[in-house]
Amino acid sequence: MVKMDYDKDSEILKALGHSIRLKMVEGLMNGNECNVNKIVDNLQIPQSTVSQHLKVLKTSGIIACRKEGVRTCYRVIDKRVMNIMEILKR
């Protein structure tokens, strides 16, 4: 039986508790990886708002980023979050 880390798990659930962040995670899972400009274009929200939400997801360990020249590319790295998203789609 896997022991839960209640503090970490609650932080993940809090991070997923906003509709924009759920959309962002879903988009990053579907497209594998993308940058801020693509997220802004897809969600039609200001770049500053996207950056704030990405910070929450990154701080929670849900996503990671890598630099590609001047662009920063984001991707989902937490397998549990991928499972949570699949459950929510049912």
C-alpha atoms as a PDB file:
ATOM      1  CA  MET A   1       0.000   0.000   0.000  1.00  0.00           C
ATOM      2  CA  VAL A   2       1.340   3.428  -0.998  1.00  0.00           C
ATOM      3  CA  LYS A   3       1.598   5.908   1.827  1.00  0.00           C
ATOM      4  CA  MET A   4       0.109   9.307   1.043  1.00  0.00           C
ATOM      5  CA  ASP A   5       1.977  12.549   1.593  1.00  0.00           C
ATOM      6  CA  TYR A   6      -1.040  14.594   2.627  1.00  0.00           C
ATOM      7  CA  ASP A   7       0.736  17.943   2.474  1.00  0.00           C
ATOM      8  CA  LYS A   8       2.126  17.409  -1.042  1.00  0.00           C
ATOM      9  CA  ASP A   9      -1.072  15.793  -2.288  1.00  0.00           C
ATOM     10  CA  SER A  10      -3.203  18.684  -1.020  1.00  0.00           C
ATOM     11  CA  GLU A  11      -0.873  21.176  -2.750  1.00  0.00           C
ATOM     12  CA  ILE A  12      -1.337  19.309  -6.045  1.00  0.00           C
ATOM     13  CA  LEU A  13      -5.109  19.321  -5.635  1.00  0.00           C
ATOM     14  CA  LYS A  14      -5.075  23.037  -4.788  1.00  0.00           C
ATOM     15  CA  ALA A  15      -2.993  23.742  -7.889  1.00  0.00           C
ATOM     16  CA  LEU A  16      -5.494  21.829 -10.016  1.00  0.00           C
ATOM     17  CA  GLY A  17      -8.388  23.634  -8.331  1.00  0.00           C
ATOM     18  CA  HIS A  18      -8.635  26.406 -10.922  1.00  0.00           C
ATOM     19  CA  SER A  19     -10.322  25.973 -14.285  1.00  0.00           C
ATOM     20  CA  ILE A  20      -7.556  27.761 -16.205  1.00  0.00           C
ATOM     21  CA  ARG A  21      -4.880  25.533 -14.677  1.00  0.00           C
ATOM     22  CA  LEU A  22      -6.937  22.441 -15.529  1.00  0.00           C
ATOM     23  CA  LYS A  23      -7.150  23.656 -19.143  1.00  0.00           C
ATOM     24  CA  MET A  24      -3.414  24.328 -19.177  1.00  0.00           C
ATOM     25  CA  VAL A  25      -2.551  20.881 -17.828  1.00  0.00           C
ATOM     26  CA  GLU A  26      -4.897  19.236 -20.322  1.00  0.00           C
ATOM     27  CA  GLY A  27      -3.334  21.201 -23.175  1.00  0.00           C
ATOM     28  CA  LEU A  28       0.195  20.356 -22.062  1.00  0.00           C
ATOM     29  CA  MET A  29      -0.736  16.678 -21.862  1.00  0.00           C
ATOM     30  CA  ASN A  30      -2.345  16.695 -25.320  1.00  0.00           C
ATOM     31  CA  GLY A  31       0.401  18.663 -27.015  1.00  0.00           C
ATOM     32  CA  ASN A  32       3.231  17.203 -24.938  1.00  0.00           C
ATOM     33  CA  GLU A  33       5.049  20.499 -24.572  1.00  0.00           C
ATOM     34  CA  CYS A  34       4.532  24.138 -25.447  1.00  0.00           C
ATOM     35  CA  ASN A  35       5.583  27.683 -24.673  1.00  0.00           C
ATOM     36  CA  VAL A  36       3.779  30.616 -23.093  1.00  0.00           C
ATOM     37  CA  ASN A  37       2.811  32.228 -26.407  1.00  0.00           C
ATOM     38  CA  LYS A  38       1.057  29.091 -27.585  1.00  0.00           C
ATOM     39  CA  ILE A  39      -0.836  28.832 -24.278  1.00  0.00           C
ATOM     40  CA  VAL A  40      -1.854  32.518 -24.533  1.00  0.00           C
ATOM     41  CA  ASP A  41      -3.105  31.934 -28.097  1.00  0.00           C
ATOM     42  CA  ASN A  42      -5.026  28.776 -27.161  1.00  0.00           C
ATOM     43  CA  LEU A  43      -6.683  30.137 -24.010  1.00  0.00           C
ATOM     44  CA  GLN A  44      -7.098  33.757 -25.156  1.00  0.00           C
ATOM     45  CA  ILE A  45      -5.948  35.168 -21.813  1.00  0.00           C
ATOM     46  CA  PRO A  46      -3.178  37.684 -21.015  1.00  0.00           C
ATOM     47  CA  GLN A  47       0.423  36.500 -20.903  1.00  0.00           C
ATOM     48  CA  SER A  48       0.798  37.698 -17.308  1.00  0.00           C
ATOM     49  CA  THR A  49      -2.142  35.504 -16.256  1.00  0.00           C
ATOM     50  CA  VAL A  50      -0.642  32.491 -18.022  1.00  0.00           C
ATOM     51  CA  SER A  51       2.697  33.093 -16.313  1.00  0.00           C
ATOM     52  CA  GLN A  52       1.060  33.304 -12.872  1.00  0.00           C
ATOM     53  CA  HIS A  53      -0.747  30.002 -13.402  1.00  0.00           C
ATOM     54  CA  LEU A  54       2.394  28.314 -14.779  1.00  0.00           C
ATOM     55  CA  LYS A  55       4.244  29.399 -11.625  1.00  0.00           C
ATOM     56  CA  VAL A  56       1.627  27.686  -9.428  1.00  0.00           C
ATOM     57  CA  LEU A  57       1.844  24.480 -11.480  1.00  0.00           C
ATOM     58  CA  LYS A  58       5.645  24.520 -11.455  1.00  0.00           C
ATOM     59  CA  THR A  59       5.878  25.223  -7.719  1.00  0.00           C
ATOM     60  CA  SER A  60       3.558  22.279  -7.086  1.00  0.00           C
ATOM     61  CA  GLY A  61       5.806  19.986  -9.123  1.00  0.00           C
ATOM     62  CA  ILE A  62       3.137  19.331 -11.747  1.00  0.00           C
ATOM     63  CA  ILE A  63       5.081  20.773 -14.665  1.00  0.00           C
ATOM     64  CA  ALA A  64       8.703  21.319 -15.594  1.00  0.00           C
ATOM     65  CA  CYS A  65      10.287  23.641 -18.095  1.00  0.00           C
ATOM     66  CA  ARG A  66      13.290  23.724 -20.345  1.00  0.00           C
ATOM     67  CA  LYS A  67      14.843  26.597 -22.246  1.00  0.00           C
ATOM     68  CA  GLU A  68      14.907  26.504 -26.025  1.00  0.00           C
ATOM     69  CA  GLY A  69      16.786  29.642 -27.011  1.00  0.00           C
ATOM     70  CA  VAL A  70      14.693  32.536 -25.726  1.00  0.00           C
ATOM     71  CA  ARG A  71      11.585  30.352 -25.387  1.00  0.00           C
ATOM     72  CA  THR A  72      10.666  28.320 -22.330  1.00  0.00           C
ATOM     73  CA  CYS A  73       8.827  25.071 -23.066  1.00  0.00           C
ATOM     74  CA  TYR A  74       6.571  23.467 -20.434  1.00  0.00           C
ATOM     75  CA  ARG A  75       5.421  19.880 -19.964  1.00  0.00           C
ATOM     76  CA  VAL A  76       3.518  17.834 -17.377  1.00  0.00           C
ATOM     77  CA  ILE A  77       5.855  15.622 -15.345  1.00  0.00           C
ATOM     78  CA  ASP A  78       3.687  14.325 -12.493  1.00  0.00           C
ATOM     79  CA  LYS A  79       2.199  10.931 -13.432  1.00  0.00           C
ATOM     80  CA  ARG A  80      -0.423  11.194 -10.673  1.00  0.00           C
ATOM     81  CA  VAL A  81      -1.707  14.409 -12.220  1.00  0.00           C
ATOM     82  CA  MET A  82      -1.957  12.647 -15.572  1.00  0.00           C
ATOM     83  CA  ASN A  83      -4.046   9.947 -13.872  1.00  0.00           C
ATOM     84  CA  ILE A  84      -6.210  12.569 -12.151  1.00  0.00           C
ATOM     85  CA  MET A  85      -6.867  14.265 -15.485  1.00  0.00           C
ATOM     86  CA  GLU A  86      -7.861  10.960 -17.071  1.00  0.00           C
ATOM     87  CA  ILE A  87     -10.277  10.290 -14.221  1.00  0.00           C
ATOM     88  CA  LEU A  88     -11.811  13.775 -14.609  1.00  0.00           C
ATOM     89  CA  LYS A  89     -12.423  13.131 -18.329  1.00  0.00           C
ATOM     90  CA  ARG A  90     -14.629  10.115 -17.573  1.00  0.00           C
END
